[in-house]
Protein backbone atom coordinates (compact mmCIF):
# COMPACT_ATOMS: atom_id res chain seq x y z
CA MET A 1 -13.72 28.11 14.17
CA GLU A 2 -10.81 29.67 12.28
CA ILE A 3 -7.76 27.80 11.01
CA GLN A 4 -4.45 29.43 10.15
CA MET A 5 -2.49 27.09 7.89
CA TYR A 6 1.24 27.83 7.63
CA ASN A 7 3.38 27.13 4.60
CA MET A 8 5.94 24.65 5.95
CA GLY A 9 6.90 22.91 2.70
CA LEU A 10 7.18 19.22 3.50
CA GLY A 11 6.16 19.74 7.10
CA GLU A 12 3.14 20.83 9.06
CA CYS A 13 1.84 23.59 11.28
CA PHE A 14 -1.61 25.04 11.69
CA LEU A 15 -3.39 26.99 14.39
CA LEU A 16 -6.94 26.16 15.47
CA GLU A 17 -8.81 29.07 17.03
CA ASP A 18 -12.23 28.62 18.57
CA GLY A 19 -13.33 31.41 20.87
CA THR A 20 -10.68 31.80 23.55
CA GLU A 21 -9.12 28.40 22.83
CA LYS A 22 -6.02 28.44 20.63
CA LEU A 23 -4.27 25.19 19.69
CA ALA A 24 -1.12 25.00 17.56
CA VAL A 25 -0.83 21.60 15.88
CA ASN A 26 2.78 20.62 15.14
CA CYS A 27 5.56 22.93 14.00
CA GLY A 28 8.17 21.45 11.71
CA THR A 29 9.51 20.90 8.20
CA ARG A 30 12.16 18.99 6.29
CA ASN A 31 12.94 22.10 4.21
CA LYS A 32 15.77 24.44 5.16
CA ARG A 33 14.21 27.21 3.06
CA ILE A 34 10.60 27.75 2.00
CA ASN A 35 9.96 30.06 -0.97
CA GLY A 36 13.38 31.60 -0.39
CA THR A 37 12.75 32.24 3.32
CA ASP A 38 14.78 30.52 6.01
CA SER A 39 12.53 28.07 7.87
CA GLY A 40 13.74 29.48 11.21
CA GLU A 41 12.31 32.88 10.31
CA ILE A 42 8.93 31.29 9.61
CA TYR A 43 9.09 29.43 12.93
CA ARG A 44 9.64 32.69 14.79
CA GLU A 45 6.77 34.37 12.94
CA ILE A 46 4.44 31.53 13.92
CA GLN A 47 5.51 31.78 17.54
CA ASP A 48 5.07 35.55 17.58
CA ARG A 49 1.54 35.34 16.13
CA ALA A 50 0.45 32.50 18.40
CA ALA A 51 2.02 33.97 21.53
CA GLU A 52 0.00 37.20 21.43
CA GLU A 53 -2.70 35.69 23.65
CA GLY A 54 -1.02 32.43 24.69
CA TYR A 55 -1.67 29.01 23.18
CA ASP A 56 -1.38 25.26 23.66
CA LEU A 57 0.87 23.10 21.47
CA LEU A 58 -0.06 19.63 20.25
CA ILE A 59 2.70 17.46 18.78
CA THR A 60 1.15 14.52 16.97
CA GLN A 61 4.29 12.48 16.33
CA PHE A 62 8.02 12.59 16.85
CA ASP A 63 9.84 13.49 13.63
CA PRO A 64 11.38 16.63 12.07
CA GLU A 65 8.40 17.45 9.85
CA HIS A 66 6.18 17.77 12.92
CA ILE A 67 8.53 19.04 15.60
CA SER A 68 11.74 20.69 14.30
CA GLY A 69 10.36 24.23 14.58
CA PHE A 70 9.45 23.80 18.24
CA LEU A 71 12.91 22.37 18.94
CA GLN A 72 14.56 25.34 17.28
CA THR A 73 12.49 28.14 18.83
CA GLY A 74 12.13 26.32 22.16
CA ARG A 75 15.85 26.54 22.75
CA VAL A 76 15.90 30.26 22.03
CA ARG A 77 12.71 31.28 23.85
CA PRO A 78 11.61 28.45 26.14
CA GLY A 79 7.88 28.38 26.78
CA ASP A 80 7.23 31.79 25.22
CA GLY A 81 3.43 31.97 25.07
CA ILE A 82 2.96 28.19 25.34
CA ARG A 83 0.69 27.17 28.21
CA THR A 84 0.56 23.41 27.66
CA VAL A 85 2.44 20.91 25.49
CA TYR A 86 0.43 17.82 24.52
CA LEU A 87 2.18 14.62 23.37
CA PRO A 88 0.96 11.12 22.42
CA ASP A 89 1.19 8.87 25.46
CA LEU A 90 4.20 6.69 24.69
CA PHE A 91 5.57 7.02 28.21
CA SER A 92 3.17 5.95 30.96
CA GLU A 93 3.67 2.15 30.86
CA ARG A 94 6.85 0.16 31.41
CA TRP A 95 6.42 -1.82 28.18
CA MET A 96 6.68 1.50 26.33
CA ASN A 97 10.44 1.36 26.90
CA GLU A 98 10.52 -0.83 23.78
CA VAL A 99 8.24 1.58 21.88
CA LEU A 100 10.70 4.39 22.56
CA ALA A 101 13.64 2.13 21.69
CA LEU A 102 12.09 1.42 18.29
CA LEU A 103 11.59 5.14 17.66
CA LEU A 104 15.19 5.89 18.65
CA LEU A 105 16.41 3.07 16.42
CA GLN A 106 14.47 4.45 13.46
CA ASP A 107 15.89 7.92 14.02
CA LEU A 108 19.44 6.56 14.20
CA SER A 109 19.00 4.15 11.28
CA ARG A 110 18.03 6.91 8.88
CA GLY A 111 21.00 9.05 9.95
CA GLY A 112 18.89 11.78 11.54
CA PHE A 113 17.47 14.81 9.74
CA LEU A 114 18.06 17.29 12.54
CA PRO A 115 21.21 19.44 12.80
CA GLY A 116 24.22 17.51 14.07
CA LYS A 117 22.37 14.21 13.54
CA ALA A 118 20.31 14.92 16.63
CA VAL A 119 17.58 12.50 17.67
CA THR A 120 14.00 13.74 17.82
CA LEU A 121 12.90 12.27 21.17
CA THR A 122 16.05 13.22 23.05
CA SER A 123 16.08 16.71 21.49
CA LEU A 124 12.48 17.21 22.57
CA MET A 125 13.34 16.08 26.09
CA GLU A 126 16.17 18.64 26.26
CA VAL A 127 13.76 21.45 25.31
CA LEU A 128 11.09 20.30 27.77
CA LEU A 129 13.64 20.35 30.60
CA THR A 130 13.44 24.16 30.61
CA PHE A 131 9.75 24.43 29.65
CA PRO A 132 7.87 26.25 32.45
CA GLY A 133 4.35 25.27 31.37
CA ARG A 134 2.21 22.16 31.70
CA LEU A 135 2.91 18.81 30.03
CA CYS A 136 0.21 16.27 29.11
CA PHE A 137 0.36 12.76 27.61
CA LEU A 138 -2.66 11.76 25.55
CA LYS A 139 -4.38 8.47 24.76
CA ARG A 140 -7.66 7.49 23.12
CA GLY A 141 -10.78 9.15 24.54
CA GLU A 142 -8.95 11.91 26.42
CA SER A 143 -9.49 15.63 25.90
CA ILE A 144 -7.13 18.15 24.36
CA GLY A 145 -8.17 21.27 26.20
CA GLY A 146 -11.95 21.44 26.25
CA ARG A 147 -12.61 21.33 22.53
CA TYR A 148 -10.87 18.28 21.02
CA GLN A 149 -10.69 14.53 21.67
CA VAL A 150 -8.03 11.89 20.98
CA LEU A 151 -9.00 9.01 18.66
CA TRP A 152 -5.59 7.30 18.64
CA PRO A 153 -3.24 6.02 20.19
CA GLN A 154 -5.01 3.24 22.04
CA LYS A 155 -2.74 1.33 24.42
CA ASP A 156 -3.70 -2.28 23.64
CA GLY A 157 -3.53 -1.65 19.90
CA LEU A 158 -0.20 0.12 20.20
CA LYS A 159 1.29 -2.70 22.27
CA ALA A 160 0.17 -5.30 19.73
CA GLU A 161 1.73 -3.31 16.89
CA MET A 162 4.96 -2.91 18.84
CA GLU A 163 5.19 -6.67 19.34
CA GLN A 164 4.49 -7.29 15.66
CA THR A 165 7.19 -4.78 14.65
CA LEU A 166 9.77 -6.43 16.90
CA LYS A 167 8.94 -9.74 15.23
CA SER A 168 8.86 -8.39 11.65
CA ALA A 169 12.18 -6.58 12.06
CA GLY A 170 13.76 -9.68 13.60
CA ILE A 171 15.09 -7.69 16.54
CA LEU A 172 14.44 -10.09 19.42
CA ASP A 173 15.86 -13.11 17.56
CA ALA A 174 18.60 -11.32 15.64
CA PHE A 175 21.25 -13.56 14.04
CA TYR A 176 24.10 -11.89 15.91
CA GLU A 177 24.21 -12.21 19.70
CA GLN A 178 25.81 -8.75 19.89
CA ASP A 179 22.73 -7.27 18.18
CA ARG A 180 20.46 -8.82 20.80
CA CYS A 181 22.77 -7.48 23.50
CA MET A 182 22.80 -3.98 21.97
CA TRP A 183 19.00 -4.00 21.70
CA ARG A 184 18.75 -4.72 25.41
CA GLU A 185 21.14 -1.84 26.07
CA LEU A 186 19.06 0.50 23.89
CA VAL A 187 15.93 -0.51 25.82
CA ARG A 188 17.75 0.22 29.08
CA VAL A 189 18.73 3.70 27.88
CA SER A 190 15.18 4.25 26.59
CA SER A 191 13.81 3.34 30.01
CA ARG A 192 15.91 6.13 31.54
CA MET A 193 14.55 8.56 28.99
CA ARG A 194 10.98 7.44 29.66
CA GLU A 195 11.48 7.94 33.40
CA ILE A 196 12.71 11.50 32.78
CA TYR A 197 9.62 12.23 30.67
CA MET A 198 7.43 10.91 33.48
CA ARG A 199 9.27 13.05 36.03
CA LEU A 200 8.78 16.09 33.77
CA LEU A 201 5.05 15.30 33.67
CA ALA A 202 4.89 15.38 37.47
CA ILE A 203 7.09 18.47 37.75
CA SER A 204 4.89 20.38 35.30
CA ARG A 205 2.04 20.12 37.82
CA SER A 206 4.08 21.72 40.61
CA ALA A 207 3.86 25.43 41.35
CA ASP A 208 7.40 26.05 42.59
CA VAL A 209 10.16 24.06 40.93
CA PRO A 210 13.80 24.81 41.92
CA ARG A 211 15.87 25.14 38.74
CA ASN A 212 19.58 25.55 38.07
CA GLU A 213 21.11 28.37 36.02
CA GLU A 214 20.31 26.48 32.80
CA GLY A 215 16.63 26.28 33.77
CA ILE A 216 16.74 22.52 34.41
CA PRO A 217 14.86 21.21 37.48
CA VAL A 218 17.41 20.60 40.21
CA GLU A 219 15.91 17.21 41.09
CA LEU A 220 16.63 15.98 37.54
CA GLU A 221 20.24 17.13 37.25
CA GLU A 222 21.81 13.78 38.14
CA ASP A 223 19.36 11.77 36.03
CA ILE A 224 19.96 14.00 33.00
CA LYS A 225 23.73 13.78 33.42
CA ASN A 226 23.60 9.98 33.58
CA PHE A 227 21.24 9.68 30.61
CA ARG A 228 23.35 11.95 28.41
CA SER A 229 26.45 9.97 29.29
CA ASP A 230 24.82 6.58 28.63
CA PHE A 231 23.26 7.67 25.33
CA ARG A 232 26.49 9.26 24.13
CA LYS A 233 28.46 6.08 24.93
CA LEU A 234 25.86 3.92 23.18
CA ARG A 235 25.98 6.00 19.99
CA ARG A 236 29.77 5.63 19.92
CA ASN A 237 29.73 1.88 20.58
CA GLU A 238 30.97 0.03 17.47
CA ARG A 239 28.78 -2.99 18.21
CA PHE A 240 25.73 -0.74 18.49
CA LEU A 241 26.61 1.07 15.26
CA GLY A 242 26.86 -2.32 13.58
CA MET A 243 23.35 -3.19 14.75
CA VAL A 244 22.04 0.16 13.50
CA GLU A 245 23.64 -0.42 10.11
CA ARG A 246 22.09 -3.87 9.82
CA CYS A 247 18.69 -2.37 10.72
CA GLN A 248 18.81 -0.24 7.57
CA LYS A 249 17.17 -3.11 5.69
CA HIS A 250 14.21 -2.88 8.09
CA LEU A 251 13.89 0.89 7.85
CA GLU A 252 10.47 0.77 6.18
CA ILE A 253 9.16 -1.49 8.95
CA LEU A 254 10.50 0.92 11.58
CA LYS A 255 9.05 3.92 9.74
CA ALA A 256 5.64 2.24 9.49
CA PHE A 257 5.65 1.66 13.25
CA HIS A 258 6.72 5.25 13.85
CA ASP A 259 3.71 6.43 11.82
CA ARG A 260 1.40 4.16 13.84
CA THR A 261 2.41 5.90 17.06
CA GLY A 262 1.11 9.21 15.67
CA LEU A 263 -1.92 10.92 17.17
CA ILE A 264 -5.34 11.19 15.48
CA PHE A 265 -7.95 13.56 16.92
CA HIS A 266 -11.19 15.39 16.21
CA THR A 267 -13.64 17.90 17.62
CA ARG A 268 -15.17 16.41 20.76
CA GLU A 269 -18.69 17.83 20.55
CA ASP A 270 -20.67 17.36 17.34
CA SER A 271 -21.35 20.68 15.60
CA SER A 272 -21.49 22.32 12.18
CA ARG A 273 -17.71 22.98 12.38
CA ASN A 274 -16.33 19.53 13.13
CA PHE A 275 -12.59 19.13 12.52
CA LEU A 276 -10.75 15.84 11.89
CA TYR A 277 -6.97 15.33 11.98
CA THR A 278 -6.07 12.04 10.29
CA GLY A 279 -2.30 11.67 10.79
CA ASN A 280 -0.46 9.21 8.54
CA THR A 281 -2.34 5.97 9.24
CA TRP A 282 -6.02 6.82 8.75
CA LYS A 283 -6.28 4.26 5.94
CA GLU A 284 -5.58 1.33 8.27
CA ARG A 285 -7.45 2.82 11.25
CA ALA A 286 -10.66 4.10 9.60
CA ALA A 287 -12.83 0.99 10.01
CA TRP A 288 -11.67 0.41 13.60
CA LEU A 289 -12.31 4.05 14.56
CA ALA A 290 -15.74 4.02 12.92
CA ALA A 291 -16.70 0.85 14.83
CA ASN A 292 -15.81 2.46 18.20
CA GLU A 293 -16.10 -0.90 19.93
CA ASP A 294 -14.57 0.41 23.16
CA GLY A 295 -17.09 3.28 23.27
CA LEU A 296 -14.40 5.84 24.10
CA ALA A 297 -14.48 8.07 21.03
CA GLY A 298 -17.04 7.73 18.25
CA LEU A 299 -16.65 9.52 14.93
CA HIS A 300 -19.12 12.21 13.88
CA ARG A 301 -21.33 11.75 10.82
CA GLU A 302 -20.00 14.90 9.17
CA TYR A 303 -16.75 16.89 9.27
CA TRP A 304 -16.48 20.48 8.11
CA CYS A 305 -12.69 20.29 7.69
CA ILE A 306 -10.37 17.27 7.33
CA THR A 307 -6.57 17.08 7.10
CA LEU A 308 -5.60 14.66 4.33
CA PRO A 309 -3.61 11.68 5.68
CA GLY A 310 0.09 11.34 4.89
CA HIS A 311 0.41 14.80 3.28
CA GLY A 312 -2.24 13.74 0.75
CA THR A 313 -0.07 11.12 -0.94
CA ASP A 314 -1.66 8.35 -2.99
CA ALA A 315 -0.33 5.64 -0.67
CA CYS A 316 -2.47 7.13 2.12
CA TYR A 317 -5.47 8.05 -0.05
CA TRP A 318 -8.95 7.82 1.48
CA ASP A 319 -12.38 8.71 0.13
CA PHE A 320 -13.90 11.06 2.72
CA SER A 321 -17.07 11.86 0.75
CA GLU A 322 -19.30 10.07 3.30
CA TYR A 323 -18.39 12.78 5.85
CA ALA A 324 -19.66 15.61 3.60
CA PRO A 325 -16.54 17.78 4.11
CA LYS A 326 -16.27 21.40 2.98
CA HIS A 327 -12.50 21.78 3.35
CA PHE A 328 -9.43 19.57 2.92
CA LEU A 329 -6.09 20.65 4.43
CA VAL A 330 -2.83 19.33 3.00
CA SER A 331 0.63 20.60 3.88
CA ASN A 332 2.84 19.51 0.99
CA GLY A 333 6.07 20.46 -0.73
CA TYR A 334 9.22 19.26 -2.43
CA VAL A 335 12.47 18.38 -0.69
CA ALA A 336 15.71 17.94 -2.65
CA GLY A 337 16.22 14.30 -3.58
CA GLN A 338 12.55 13.44 -3.13
CA GLU A 339 11.09 11.34 -5.93
CA ASN A 340 7.66 10.54 -4.55
CA GLY A 341 5.18 12.28 -2.29
CA LYS A 342 2.99 14.37 -4.55
CA VAL A 343 -0.62 14.98 -3.53
CA SER A 344 -2.74 12.21 -5.06
CA GLY A 345 -4.62 12.99 -8.27
CA ARG A 346 -7.59 11.13 -6.76
CA TYR A 347 -8.41 14.24 -4.71
CA SER A 348 -8.82 16.31 -7.89
CA GLY A 349 -10.42 16.30 -11.33
CA MET A 350 -13.28 13.86 -11.87
CA PHE A 351 -12.48 12.19 -8.52
CA ALA A 352 -12.80 15.36 -6.43
CA VAL A 353 -15.42 15.44 -3.68
CA PRO A 354 -18.03 18.01 -4.84
CA ASP A 355 -18.05 21.40 -3.11
CA VAL A 356 -14.78 20.74 -1.25
CA THR A 357 -12.10 23.42 -1.23
CA MET A 358 -8.53 22.05 -1.25
CA HIS A 359 -6.21 24.12 0.93
CA CYS A 360 -2.64 23.31 -0.17
CA THR A 361 0.58 24.99 0.88
CA SER A 362 2.08 24.38 -2.59
CA ALA A 363 0.54 24.00 -6.05
CA ASP A 364 3.65 22.49 -7.65
CA TRP A 365 3.84 19.13 -5.89
CA CYS A 366 0.48 17.66 -6.94
CA GLU A 367 -0.57 14.99 -9.44
CA GLY A 368 -3.76 16.92 -10.16
CA ARG A 369 -1.93 19.91 -11.64
CA ARG A 370 -1.46 19.78 -15.41
CA ASN A 371 0.32 22.44 -17.48
CA GLY A 372 0.09 24.87 -14.59
CA ILE A 373 -3.67 24.38 -14.22
CA CYS A 374 -5.25 23.06 -11.02
CA SER A 375 -7.96 20.44 -11.57
CA CYS A 376 -9.48 20.62 -8.08
CA TRP A 377 -13.14 21.52 -7.61
CA SER A 378 -11.95 24.57 -5.70
CA ALA A 379 -8.48 25.40 -4.37
CA GLN A 380 -6.70 27.87 -2.11
CA ILE A 381 -2.91 27.84 -2.33
CA THR A 382 -0.86 29.31 0.52
CA SER A 383 2.40 29.77 -1.42
CA PRO A 384 4.09 32.27 -1.83
CA HIS A 385 2.54 33.62 1.39
CA HIS A 386 3.55 32.33 4.81
CA TYR A 387 0.02 31.37 5.86
CA SER A 388 -3.60 31.27 4.76
CA VAL A 389 -6.86 31.36 6.73
CA ILE A 390 -9.82 28.96 6.58
CA ARG A 391 -13.10 30.19 8.01
C-alpha cells in the first residue's frame, strides 16, 4: 500500500493506492490559501494526479474541511476520472429526514463556510446531479471497493443519537410554537432532498440516462426545481431565521451530532499493511467497535497506519499503542481566528508511541513543537510541499 497525503491546511485529503485500487478519501479545507497557494489550485492538482488512471472518492462526512474541494472541482469538471462516489448512508430510511434536517440546521446556524453561505448537503447534491459515475451509500459492515470495510455508521446507533440530539437541543418541545412549526417545515424540505439523493442512487445504476443541457437527469428536473424553490423560501422566512438564530446556543450539540454521522473505516482483510481511519469520534466509539457485538466488522489486532481522530487535537486524543502502529497521519493547520486545535502534545515527547512516524501536513500547529524543534519519535512534515508519500 502507498498513501499520498496532501497538504490541505485545516482540511483533509489523501489517496490510498493498493495495486489497481485507488481511493481518494475526502477533499476539502477551511483555508483559502495554503502556503501561499490558492486552495483551488491544489484541488485541481489532486484531481489531475488521481484521474490519470481513474479513482473512487470516499467522503466521510459533510462539511467544508472534507468536501469543499470536490464541490469546487466537481462543478468545473464533473466526474473527471471519478468512477464511484461513496457517502455515509444518511439517506436510505425515512427517519433519516430528521438526521438531514439536523445537519442542515447546523450548517445554517454557523452561517456557512462555503462561498455565498452555501450549504454542504445541498451543494453536494447539485454536483452529484451532473455526476456520470456510480453513487453508493455506506453503513457498518459494507465494503468500499474490494479493499476496505465500514465500521461506522450503524443505523440503530445513529437513530438513538439523533433522538438524543433532538431532546438535548430542545427542538421538539421548543418554547415557541413557531420554532416547532419551522422545524417541521425543515424536515419536510429535508425529506425532498433525501428523496432526490435516493433517486440519484438509482439513476447511477442505469446505463442510459436522458439528461438536459445542464447535465441534470430529465426525470429529476421537476423535483429539483421544487426543492430549490422550497429551500430558498425557507431560508428567507423570518420565522425560520428566528429559529436558526435561537439554535446558536445549541451549536455545540449540533456539531457533536454532525461529527457522529461521520464514517469510520479500515482495511477489510487482515494483513501487514492494515489501515484505520478514525474520523472525529473514535474516542467515544472505540470500546463499542472493539466489542463487535453485532459481528459485522471486527477490528484487527494491529494497524500499520492510523489517521489521528479529530485532526489530532487533545479533545479527541486516544492511545493507539495496543495496535502497534508504524505511522500516524494527521492533517492539521491554522485558520485565521482559530484559538484551539493544535495537535496534542500527548502524541509526542515522552508520550510518543515508540517507532511511530508522525506524518503531519504542518509543523507549526502542534503542542509538541518547542522553539522550532519537533519532539516526536520520528516525523515527516508535508509543508511546504503539496503532498508527501507514505510507503
